[in-house]
Amino acid sequence: MPAVEAWLLGGPADGRITHIEVDDDGSLPQAIVLPQSGAYLGARDHPSQPVQHRYLHCGDEVDPPTFRYEGPVGQGQ
């Protein structure tokens, strides 16, 4: 799928630019969900599971397109 560059504002990916896949007609998704895992200090048997975070497309005509942080995705969503 083709992709465009988009800004992510707020949350764990604040101020980053990333590639977002578009659909067949070139439209951006209304929301994206990104997994985020952190860096851990100390000895652990295994790292914690990644947390998924939702970003919503702002919908305004800016270049590059902008997605604003909505919050972590709860269990079962």
C-alpha atoms as a PDB file:
ATOM      1  CA  MET A   1       0.000   0.000   0.000  1.00  0.00           C
ATOM      2  CA  PRO A   2       1.192   3.530  -0.638  1.00  0.00           C
ATOM      3  CA  ALA A   3       1.993   5.699   2.367  1.00  0.00           C
ATOM      4  CA  VAL A   4       2.342   9.378   3.194  1.00  0.00           C
ATOM      5  CA  GLU A   5       4.331  11.075   5.935  1.00  0.00           C
ATOM      6  CA  ALA A   6       2.306  12.386   8.872  1.00  0.00           C
ATOM      7  CA  TRP A   7       3.067  14.158  12.167  1.00  0.00           C
ATOM      8  CA  LEU A   8       2.142  12.543  15.476  1.00  0.00           C
ATOM      9  CA  LEU A   9       1.367  15.031  18.261  1.00  0.00           C
ATOM     10  CA  GLY A  10       1.121  14.149  21.944  1.00  0.00           C
ATOM     11  CA  GLY A  11       1.552  10.803  23.659  1.00  0.00           C
ATOM     12  CA  PRO A  12       4.620   8.586  23.397  1.00  0.00           C
ATOM     13  CA  ALA A  13       5.320   9.520  19.759  1.00  0.00           C
ATOM     14  CA  ASP A  14       5.060  13.312  20.230  1.00  0.00           C
ATOM     15  CA  GLY A  15       6.750  15.363  17.530  1.00  0.00           C
ATOM     16  CA  ARG A  16       7.655  12.399  15.353  1.00  0.00           C
ATOM     17  CA  ILE A  17       6.939  11.924  11.705  1.00  0.00           C
ATOM     18  CA  THR A  18       6.022   8.475  10.416  1.00  0.00           C
ATOM     19  CA  HIS A  19       4.615   6.762   7.343  1.00  0.00           C
ATOM     20  CA  ILE A  20       0.845   6.170   7.391  1.00  0.00           C
ATOM     21  CA  GLU A  21      -0.730   3.824   4.857  1.00  0.00           C
ATOM     22  CA  VAL A  22      -3.537   5.239   2.744  1.00  0.00           C
ATOM     23  CA  ASP A  23      -6.429   3.309   1.215  1.00  0.00           C
ATOM     24  CA  ASP A  24      -6.931   2.623  -2.487  1.00  0.00           C
ATOM     25  CA  ASP A  25      -8.316   6.115  -3.200  1.00  0.00           C
ATOM     26  CA  GLY A  26      -5.467   7.822  -1.312  1.00  0.00           C
ATOM     27  CA  SER A  27      -7.462   8.697   1.807  1.00  0.00           C
ATOM     28  CA  LEU A  28      -5.851   8.681   5.246  1.00  0.00           C
ATOM     29  CA  PRO A  29      -7.408   6.589   8.024  1.00  0.00           C
ATOM     30  CA  GLN A  30      -9.421   8.491  10.647  1.00  0.00           C
ATOM     31  CA  ALA A  31      -7.474   6.785  13.449  1.00  0.00           C
ATOM     32  CA  ILE A  32      -4.296   4.766  13.807  1.00  0.00           C
ATOM     33  CA  VAL A  33      -3.189   2.506  16.656  1.00  0.00           C
ATOM     34  CA  LEU A  34       0.518   2.214  17.415  1.00  0.00           C
ATOM     35  CA  PRO A  35       2.091  -0.268  19.850  1.00  0.00           C
ATOM     36  CA  GLN A  36       4.539   1.327  22.292  1.00  0.00           C
ATOM     37  CA  SER A  37       6.974  -0.519  24.475  1.00  0.00           C
ATOM     38  CA  GLY A  38       9.339   1.254  26.795  1.00  0.00           C
ATOM     39  CA  ALA A  39      12.937   0.860  27.828  1.00  0.00           C
ATOM     40  CA  TYR A  40      13.340  -0.948  31.107  1.00  0.00           C
ATOM     41  CA  LEU A  41      16.031  -0.643  33.736  1.00  0.00           C
ATOM     42  CA  GLY A  42      17.011  -3.496  36.018  1.00  0.00           C
ATOM     43  CA  ALA A  43      16.854  -7.242  35.733  1.00  0.00           C
ATOM     44  CA  ARG A  44      13.543  -8.758  34.645  1.00  0.00           C
ATOM     45  CA  ASP A  45      12.609 -12.151  33.310  1.00  0.00           C
ATOM     46  CA  HIS A  46      10.765 -10.522  30.410  1.00  0.00           C
ATOM     47  CA  PRO A  47       9.670  -7.025  29.386  1.00  0.00           C
ATOM     48  CA  SER A  48       6.103  -5.840  29.873  1.00  0.00           C
ATOM     49  CA  GLN A  49       3.699  -6.216  26.975  1.00  0.00           C
ATOM     50  CA  PRO A  50       3.521  -3.273  24.545  1.00  0.00           C
ATOM     51  CA  VAL A  51       0.662  -0.826  25.085  1.00  0.00           C
ATOM     52  CA  GLN A  52      -1.345   0.315  22.070  1.00  0.00           C
ATOM     53  CA  HIS A  53      -1.996   4.049  21.677  1.00  0.00           C
ATOM     54  CA  ARG A  54      -4.614   5.696  19.443  1.00  0.00           C
ATOM     55  CA  TYR A  55      -3.980   8.813  17.336  1.00  0.00           C
ATOM     56  CA  LEU A  56      -6.856  10.601  15.538  1.00  0.00           C
ATOM     57  CA  HIS A  57      -6.520  12.390  12.210  1.00  0.00           C
ATOM     58  CA  CYS A  58      -7.046  16.123  12.757  1.00  0.00           C
ATOM     59  CA  GLY A  59      -8.755  16.432   9.368  1.00  0.00           C
ATOM     60  CA  ASP A  60      -7.407  19.882   8.594  1.00  0.00           C
ATOM     61  CA  GLU A  61      -5.580  20.586   5.355  1.00  0.00           C
ATOM     62  CA  VAL A  62      -1.997  20.740   6.609  1.00  0.00           C
ATOM     63  CA  ASP A  63       1.101  19.285   5.048  1.00  0.00           C
ATOM     64  CA  PRO A  64       2.154  16.873   6.327  1.00  0.00           C
ATOM     65  CA  PRO A  65      -1.151  15.544   7.728  1.00  0.00           C
ATOM     66  CA  THR A  66      -1.395  15.570  11.535  1.00  0.00           C
ATOM     67  CA  PHE A  67      -2.638  12.908  13.969  1.00  0.00           C
ATOM     68  CA  ARG A  68      -3.324  13.977  17.588  1.00  0.00           C
ATOM     69  CA  TYR A  69      -2.978  11.602  20.540  1.00  0.00           C
ATOM     70  CA  GLU A  70      -6.252  10.309  22.000  1.00  0.00           C
ATOM     71  CA  GLY A  71      -4.869   7.925  24.643  1.00  0.00           C
ATOM     72  CA  PRO A  72      -4.054   4.312  25.310  1.00  0.00           C
ATOM     73  CA  VAL A  73      -6.362   1.664  23.884  1.00  0.00           C
ATOM     74  CA  GLY A  74      -8.113  -0.202  26.697  1.00  0.00           C
ATOM     75  CA  GLN A  75      -8.258  -3.955  26.988  1.00  0.00           C
ATOM     76  CA  GLY A  76     -10.574  -5.540  24.423  1.00  0.00           C
ATOM     77  CA  GLN A  77     -10.851  -2.477  22.169  1.00  0.00           C
END
